[in-house]
């Protein structure tokens, strides 16, 4: 199963969803302070998810910057890759157990 959440790029979106859920839970509590039973499924995300989303956003920006720099070098003719280093890295990656 694949879950796509377009809000992962922003930690504040996760926090906003949590705030809304908290408000809904508060409005469903009875006068004795106990929560009414829920008829639907419930999903909770930890703070780790927000941290992961921020890290992935930073990585994506860094990666895009590197790709843009390499593209500029290639277009100007100043990019000269080390084919021996590239081939060694490809073989090492292929022989590493657990990598796909």
N, C-alpha and C. Protein backbone atom coordinates (compact mmCIF):
# COMPACT_ATOMS: atom_id res chain seq x y z
N UNK A 1 0.85 -1.17 0.00
CA UNK A 1 0.00 0.00 0.00
C UNK A 1 0.89 1.23 0.00
N UNK A 2 0.54 2.19 -0.79
CA UNK A 2 1.31 3.42 -0.88
C UNK A 2 0.43 4.57 -0.42
N UNK A 3 0.97 5.39 0.48
CA UNK A 3 0.26 6.55 0.98
C UNK A 3 1.00 7.79 0.52
N UNK A 4 0.31 8.68 -0.14
CA UNK A 4 0.91 9.92 -0.61
C UNK A 4 0.29 11.06 0.16
N UNK A 5 1.12 11.80 0.87
CA UNK A 5 0.65 12.96 1.64
C UNK A 5 1.38 14.18 1.13
N UNK A 6 0.71 15.02 0.42
CA UNK A 6 1.33 16.19 -0.17
C UNK A 6 1.72 17.22 0.88
N UNK A 7 1.29 17.05 2.11
CA UNK A 7 1.63 17.97 3.18
C UNK A 7 2.94 17.62 3.87
N UNK A 8 3.64 16.57 3.44
CA UNK A 8 4.86 16.16 4.11
C UNK A 8 5.98 17.18 3.98
N UNK A 9 5.91 18.06 3.01
CA UNK A 9 6.98 19.04 2.85
C UNK A 9 6.91 20.13 3.91
N UNK A 10 5.88 20.15 4.69
CA UNK A 10 5.74 21.17 5.71
C UNK A 10 5.41 20.54 7.04
N UNK A 11 6.30 20.71 8.01
CA UNK A 11 6.04 20.19 9.35
C UNK A 11 4.84 20.87 9.98
N UNK A 12 4.59 22.12 9.62
CA UNK A 12 3.48 22.84 10.22
C UNK A 12 2.14 22.25 9.80
N UNK A 13 2.07 21.63 8.63
CA UNK A 13 0.82 21.01 8.20
C UNK A 13 0.48 19.82 9.09
N UNK A 14 1.50 19.08 9.49
CA UNK A 14 1.28 17.95 10.39
C UNK A 14 0.80 18.46 11.73
N UNK A 15 1.43 19.52 12.22
CA UNK A 15 1.02 20.10 13.50
C UNK A 15 -0.40 20.66 13.42
N UNK A 16 -0.76 21.28 12.29
CA UNK A 16 -2.11 21.83 12.13
C UNK A 16 -3.13 20.71 12.17
N UNK A 17 -2.83 19.58 11.52
CA UNK A 17 -3.74 18.44 11.56
C UNK A 17 -3.90 17.89 12.96
N UNK A 18 -2.80 17.86 13.71
CA UNK A 18 -2.86 17.37 15.08
C UNK A 18 -3.70 18.31 15.94
N UNK A 19 -3.56 19.62 15.72
CA UNK A 19 -4.35 20.59 16.47
C UNK A 19 -5.83 20.42 16.19
N UNK A 20 -6.19 20.24 14.93
CA UNK A 20 -7.59 20.04 14.57
C UNK A 20 -8.13 18.77 15.21
N UNK A 21 -7.32 17.70 15.23
CA UNK A 21 -7.78 16.45 15.83
C UNK A 21 -7.99 16.62 17.33
N UNK A 22 -7.09 17.36 17.97
CA UNK A 22 -7.21 17.62 19.40
C UNK A 22 -8.49 18.40 19.68
N UNK A 23 -8.78 19.38 18.84
CA UNK A 23 -9.98 20.18 19.03
C UNK A 23 -11.22 19.31 18.85
N UNK A 24 -11.22 18.42 17.88
CA UNK A 24 -12.36 17.52 17.67
C UNK A 24 -12.52 16.59 18.86
N UNK A 25 -11.41 16.08 19.38
CA UNK A 25 -11.47 15.19 20.54
C UNK A 25 -12.03 15.93 21.74
N UNK A 26 -11.66 17.20 21.89
CA UNK A 26 -12.16 17.99 23.01
C UNK A 26 -13.66 18.20 22.90
N UNK A 27 -14.15 18.38 21.69
CA UNK A 27 -15.58 18.64 21.52
C UNK A 27 -16.42 17.38 21.67
N UNK A 28 -15.80 16.18 21.59
CA UNK A 28 -16.56 14.95 21.72
C UNK A 28 -16.51 14.37 23.12
N UNK A 29 -15.81 15.03 24.04
CA UNK A 29 -15.77 14.51 25.40
C UNK A 29 -17.07 14.79 26.10
N UNK A 30 -17.49 13.84 26.93
CA UNK A 30 -18.74 14.00 27.67
C UNK A 30 -18.54 14.89 28.88
N UNK A 31 -19.61 15.07 29.64
CA UNK A 31 -19.53 15.94 30.81
C UNK A 31 -18.64 15.34 31.89
N UNK A 32 -18.46 14.01 31.89
CA UNK A 32 -17.61 13.38 32.89
C UNK A 32 -16.14 13.41 32.47
N UNK A 33 -15.84 13.92 31.26
CA UNK A 33 -14.47 14.02 30.81
C UNK A 33 -13.97 12.79 30.07
N UNK A 34 -14.85 11.85 29.78
CA UNK A 34 -14.44 10.67 29.03
C UNK A 34 -14.79 10.87 27.57
N UNK A 35 -13.95 10.34 26.69
CA UNK A 35 -14.17 10.51 25.26
C UNK A 35 -15.27 9.56 24.79
N UNK A 36 -16.07 10.03 23.86
CA UNK A 36 -17.10 9.19 23.26
C UNK A 36 -16.41 8.20 22.32
N UNK A 37 -16.94 7.00 22.15
CA UNK A 37 -16.31 6.03 21.25
C UNK A 37 -16.33 6.54 19.81
N UNK A 38 -15.26 6.26 19.10
CA UNK A 38 -15.14 6.68 17.71
C UNK A 38 -15.54 5.53 16.80
N UNK A 39 -16.26 5.82 15.73
CA UNK A 39 -16.69 4.79 14.80
C UNK A 39 -15.73 4.62 13.63
N UNK A 40 -14.74 5.52 13.48
CA UNK A 40 -13.84 5.47 12.33
C UNK A 40 -12.43 5.09 12.73
N UNK A 41 -11.61 4.91 11.73
CA UNK A 41 -10.20 4.64 11.96
C UNK A 41 -9.50 5.91 12.42
N UNK A 42 -8.39 5.75 13.09
CA UNK A 42 -7.66 6.89 13.59
C UNK A 42 -6.16 6.69 13.32
N UNK A 43 -5.50 7.71 12.87
CA UNK A 43 -4.08 7.67 12.59
C UNK A 43 -3.41 8.80 13.35
N UNK A 44 -2.31 8.49 14.02
CA UNK A 44 -1.55 9.51 14.73
C UNK A 44 -0.12 9.51 14.20
N UNK A 45 0.42 10.68 13.99
CA UNK A 45 1.80 10.83 13.52
C UNK A 45 2.63 11.41 14.66
N UNK A 46 3.82 10.90 14.80
CA UNK A 46 4.69 11.39 15.86
C UNK A 46 5.43 12.64 15.37
N UNK A 47 6.12 13.28 16.29
CA UNK A 47 6.94 14.44 15.94
C UNK A 47 8.07 14.04 15.00
N UNK A 48 8.43 12.75 15.02
CA UNK A 48 9.49 12.26 14.15
C UNK A 48 9.13 12.46 12.69
N UNK A 49 7.87 12.30 12.36
CA UNK A 49 7.44 12.49 10.98
C UNK A 49 7.69 13.91 10.52
N UNK A 50 7.41 14.89 11.36
CA UNK A 50 7.69 16.28 11.02
C UNK A 50 9.17 16.52 10.83
N UNK A 51 9.98 15.92 11.69
CA UNK A 51 11.44 16.05 11.56
C UNK A 51 11.92 15.41 10.28
N UNK A 52 11.37 14.25 9.97
CA UNK A 52 11.74 13.57 8.73
C UNK A 52 11.35 14.39 7.51
N UNK A 53 10.18 14.98 7.53
CA UNK A 53 9.72 15.80 6.41
C UNK A 53 10.65 17.00 6.21
N UNK A 54 11.05 17.64 7.30
CA UNK A 54 11.97 18.78 7.18
C UNK A 54 13.32 18.34 6.64
N UNK A 55 13.82 17.18 7.09
CA UNK A 55 15.10 16.67 6.62
C UNK A 55 15.04 16.33 5.13
N UNK A 56 13.92 15.73 4.71
CA UNK A 56 13.77 15.38 3.30
C UNK A 56 13.68 16.63 2.43
N UNK A 57 13.03 17.66 2.93
CA UNK A 57 12.94 18.91 2.19
C UNK A 57 14.31 19.53 2.03
N UNK A 58 15.09 19.53 3.11
CA UNK A 58 16.45 20.08 3.05
C UNK A 58 17.31 19.26 2.09
N UNK A 59 17.18 17.92 2.15
CA UNK A 59 17.94 17.06 1.25
C UNK A 59 17.55 17.33 -0.20
N UNK A 60 16.26 17.46 -0.48
CA UNK A 60 15.79 17.71 -1.84
C UNK A 60 16.36 19.01 -2.38
N UNK A 61 16.36 20.05 -1.54
CA UNK A 61 16.90 21.34 -1.97
C UNK A 61 18.39 21.23 -2.24
N UNK A 62 19.12 20.54 -1.37
CA UNK A 62 20.55 20.36 -1.54
C UNK A 62 20.84 19.54 -2.80
N UNK A 63 20.08 18.47 -2.99
CA UNK A 63 20.26 17.61 -4.16
C UNK A 63 19.99 18.39 -5.45
N UNK A 64 18.92 19.17 -5.46
CA UNK A 64 18.58 19.96 -6.65
C UNK A 64 19.68 20.97 -6.95
N UNK A 65 20.26 21.55 -5.92
CA UNK A 65 21.35 22.50 -6.12
C UNK A 65 22.57 21.82 -6.75
N UNK A 66 22.90 20.63 -6.28
CA UNK A 66 24.04 19.89 -6.83
C UNK A 66 23.79 19.51 -8.29
N UNK A 67 22.58 19.05 -8.58
CA UNK A 67 22.24 18.66 -9.96
C UNK A 67 22.31 19.88 -10.88
N UNK A 68 21.82 21.01 -10.40
CA UNK A 68 21.87 22.23 -11.19
C UNK A 68 23.32 22.65 -11.46
N UNK A 69 24.16 22.53 -10.47
CA UNK A 69 25.58 22.87 -10.63
C UNK A 69 26.25 21.96 -11.64
N UNK A 70 25.98 20.65 -11.53
CA UNK A 70 26.56 19.70 -12.49
C UNK A 70 26.05 19.95 -13.90
N UNK A 71 24.78 20.28 -14.03
CA UNK A 71 24.21 20.58 -15.36
C UNK A 71 24.90 21.79 -15.97
N UNK A 72 25.16 22.81 -15.16
CA UNK A 72 25.84 24.02 -15.66
C UNK A 72 27.26 23.68 -16.09
N UNK A 73 27.97 22.86 -15.30
CA UNK A 73 29.33 22.45 -15.67
C UNK A 73 29.33 21.66 -16.98
N UNK A 74 28.36 20.74 -17.12
CA UNK A 74 28.26 19.93 -18.32
C UNK A 74 28.00 20.80 -19.55
N UNK A 75 27.07 21.74 -19.42
CA UNK A 75 26.73 22.61 -20.54
C UNK A 75 27.90 23.51 -20.93
N UNK A 76 28.70 23.91 -19.97
CA UNK A 76 29.84 24.78 -20.29
C UNK A 76 31.06 23.99 -20.75
N UNK A 77 30.99 22.67 -20.64
CA UNK A 77 32.11 21.83 -21.08
C UNK A 77 33.18 21.66 -20.02
N UNK A 78 32.94 22.10 -18.81
CA UNK A 78 33.95 22.00 -17.76
C UNK A 78 33.74 20.79 -16.83
N UNK A 79 32.77 19.95 -17.13
CA UNK A 79 32.51 18.77 -16.31
C UNK A 79 33.31 17.60 -16.88
N UNK A 80 34.21 17.06 -16.04
CA UNK A 80 35.05 15.94 -16.46
C UNK A 80 34.98 14.86 -15.38
N UNK A 81 34.03 13.92 -15.52
CA UNK A 81 33.86 12.89 -14.50
C UNK A 81 35.04 11.91 -14.50
N UNK A 82 35.31 11.31 -13.36
CA UNK A 82 36.35 10.30 -13.21
C UNK A 82 35.70 8.95 -13.45
N UNK A 83 35.90 8.38 -14.64
CA UNK A 83 35.22 7.14 -15.02
C UNK A 83 35.66 5.97 -14.16
N UNK A 84 36.92 5.94 -13.74
CA UNK A 84 37.40 4.84 -12.89
C UNK A 84 36.71 4.89 -11.52
N UNK A 85 36.60 6.07 -10.95
CA UNK A 85 35.93 6.22 -9.65
C UNK A 85 34.46 5.87 -9.77
N UNK A 86 33.83 6.27 -10.86
CA UNK A 86 32.42 5.96 -11.08
C UNK A 86 32.20 4.46 -11.18
N UNK A 87 33.05 3.77 -11.95
CA UNK A 87 32.90 2.32 -12.11
C UNK A 87 33.15 1.59 -10.80
N UNK A 88 34.16 2.02 -10.01
CA UNK A 88 34.41 1.40 -8.71
C UNK A 88 33.20 1.57 -7.79
N UNK A 89 32.61 2.74 -7.78
CA UNK A 89 31.45 3.00 -6.92
C UNK A 89 30.26 2.16 -7.36
N UNK A 90 30.06 1.99 -8.67
CA UNK A 90 28.95 1.19 -9.17
C UNK A 90 29.11 -0.28 -8.77
N UNK A 91 30.33 -0.81 -8.89
CA UNK A 91 30.59 -2.21 -8.52
C UNK A 91 30.42 -2.37 -7.01
N UNK A 92 30.97 -1.47 -6.23
CA UNK A 92 30.85 -1.55 -4.77
C UNK A 92 29.38 -1.52 -4.35
N UNK A 93 28.61 -0.66 -4.98
CA UNK A 93 27.17 -0.57 -4.67
C UNK A 93 26.45 -1.87 -5.03
N UNK A 94 26.81 -2.46 -6.16
CA UNK A 94 26.17 -3.71 -6.60
C UNK A 94 26.52 -4.87 -5.68
N UNK A 95 27.70 -4.85 -5.08
CA UNK A 95 28.15 -5.94 -4.22
C UNK A 95 27.75 -5.77 -2.75
N UNK A 96 27.21 -4.61 -2.39
CA UNK A 96 26.82 -4.35 -1.01
C UNK A 96 25.52 -5.09 -0.71
N UNK A 97 25.53 -5.98 0.30
CA UNK A 97 24.30 -6.70 0.62
C UNK A 97 23.24 -5.77 1.18
N UNK A 98 22.00 -6.03 0.82
CA UNK A 98 20.88 -5.25 1.35
C UNK A 98 20.52 -4.05 0.51
N UNK A 99 21.37 -3.60 -0.37
CA UNK A 99 21.03 -2.45 -1.23
C UNK A 99 20.20 -2.94 -2.40
N UNK A 100 19.30 -2.09 -2.81
CA UNK A 100 18.46 -2.44 -3.98
C UNK A 100 18.71 -1.47 -5.08
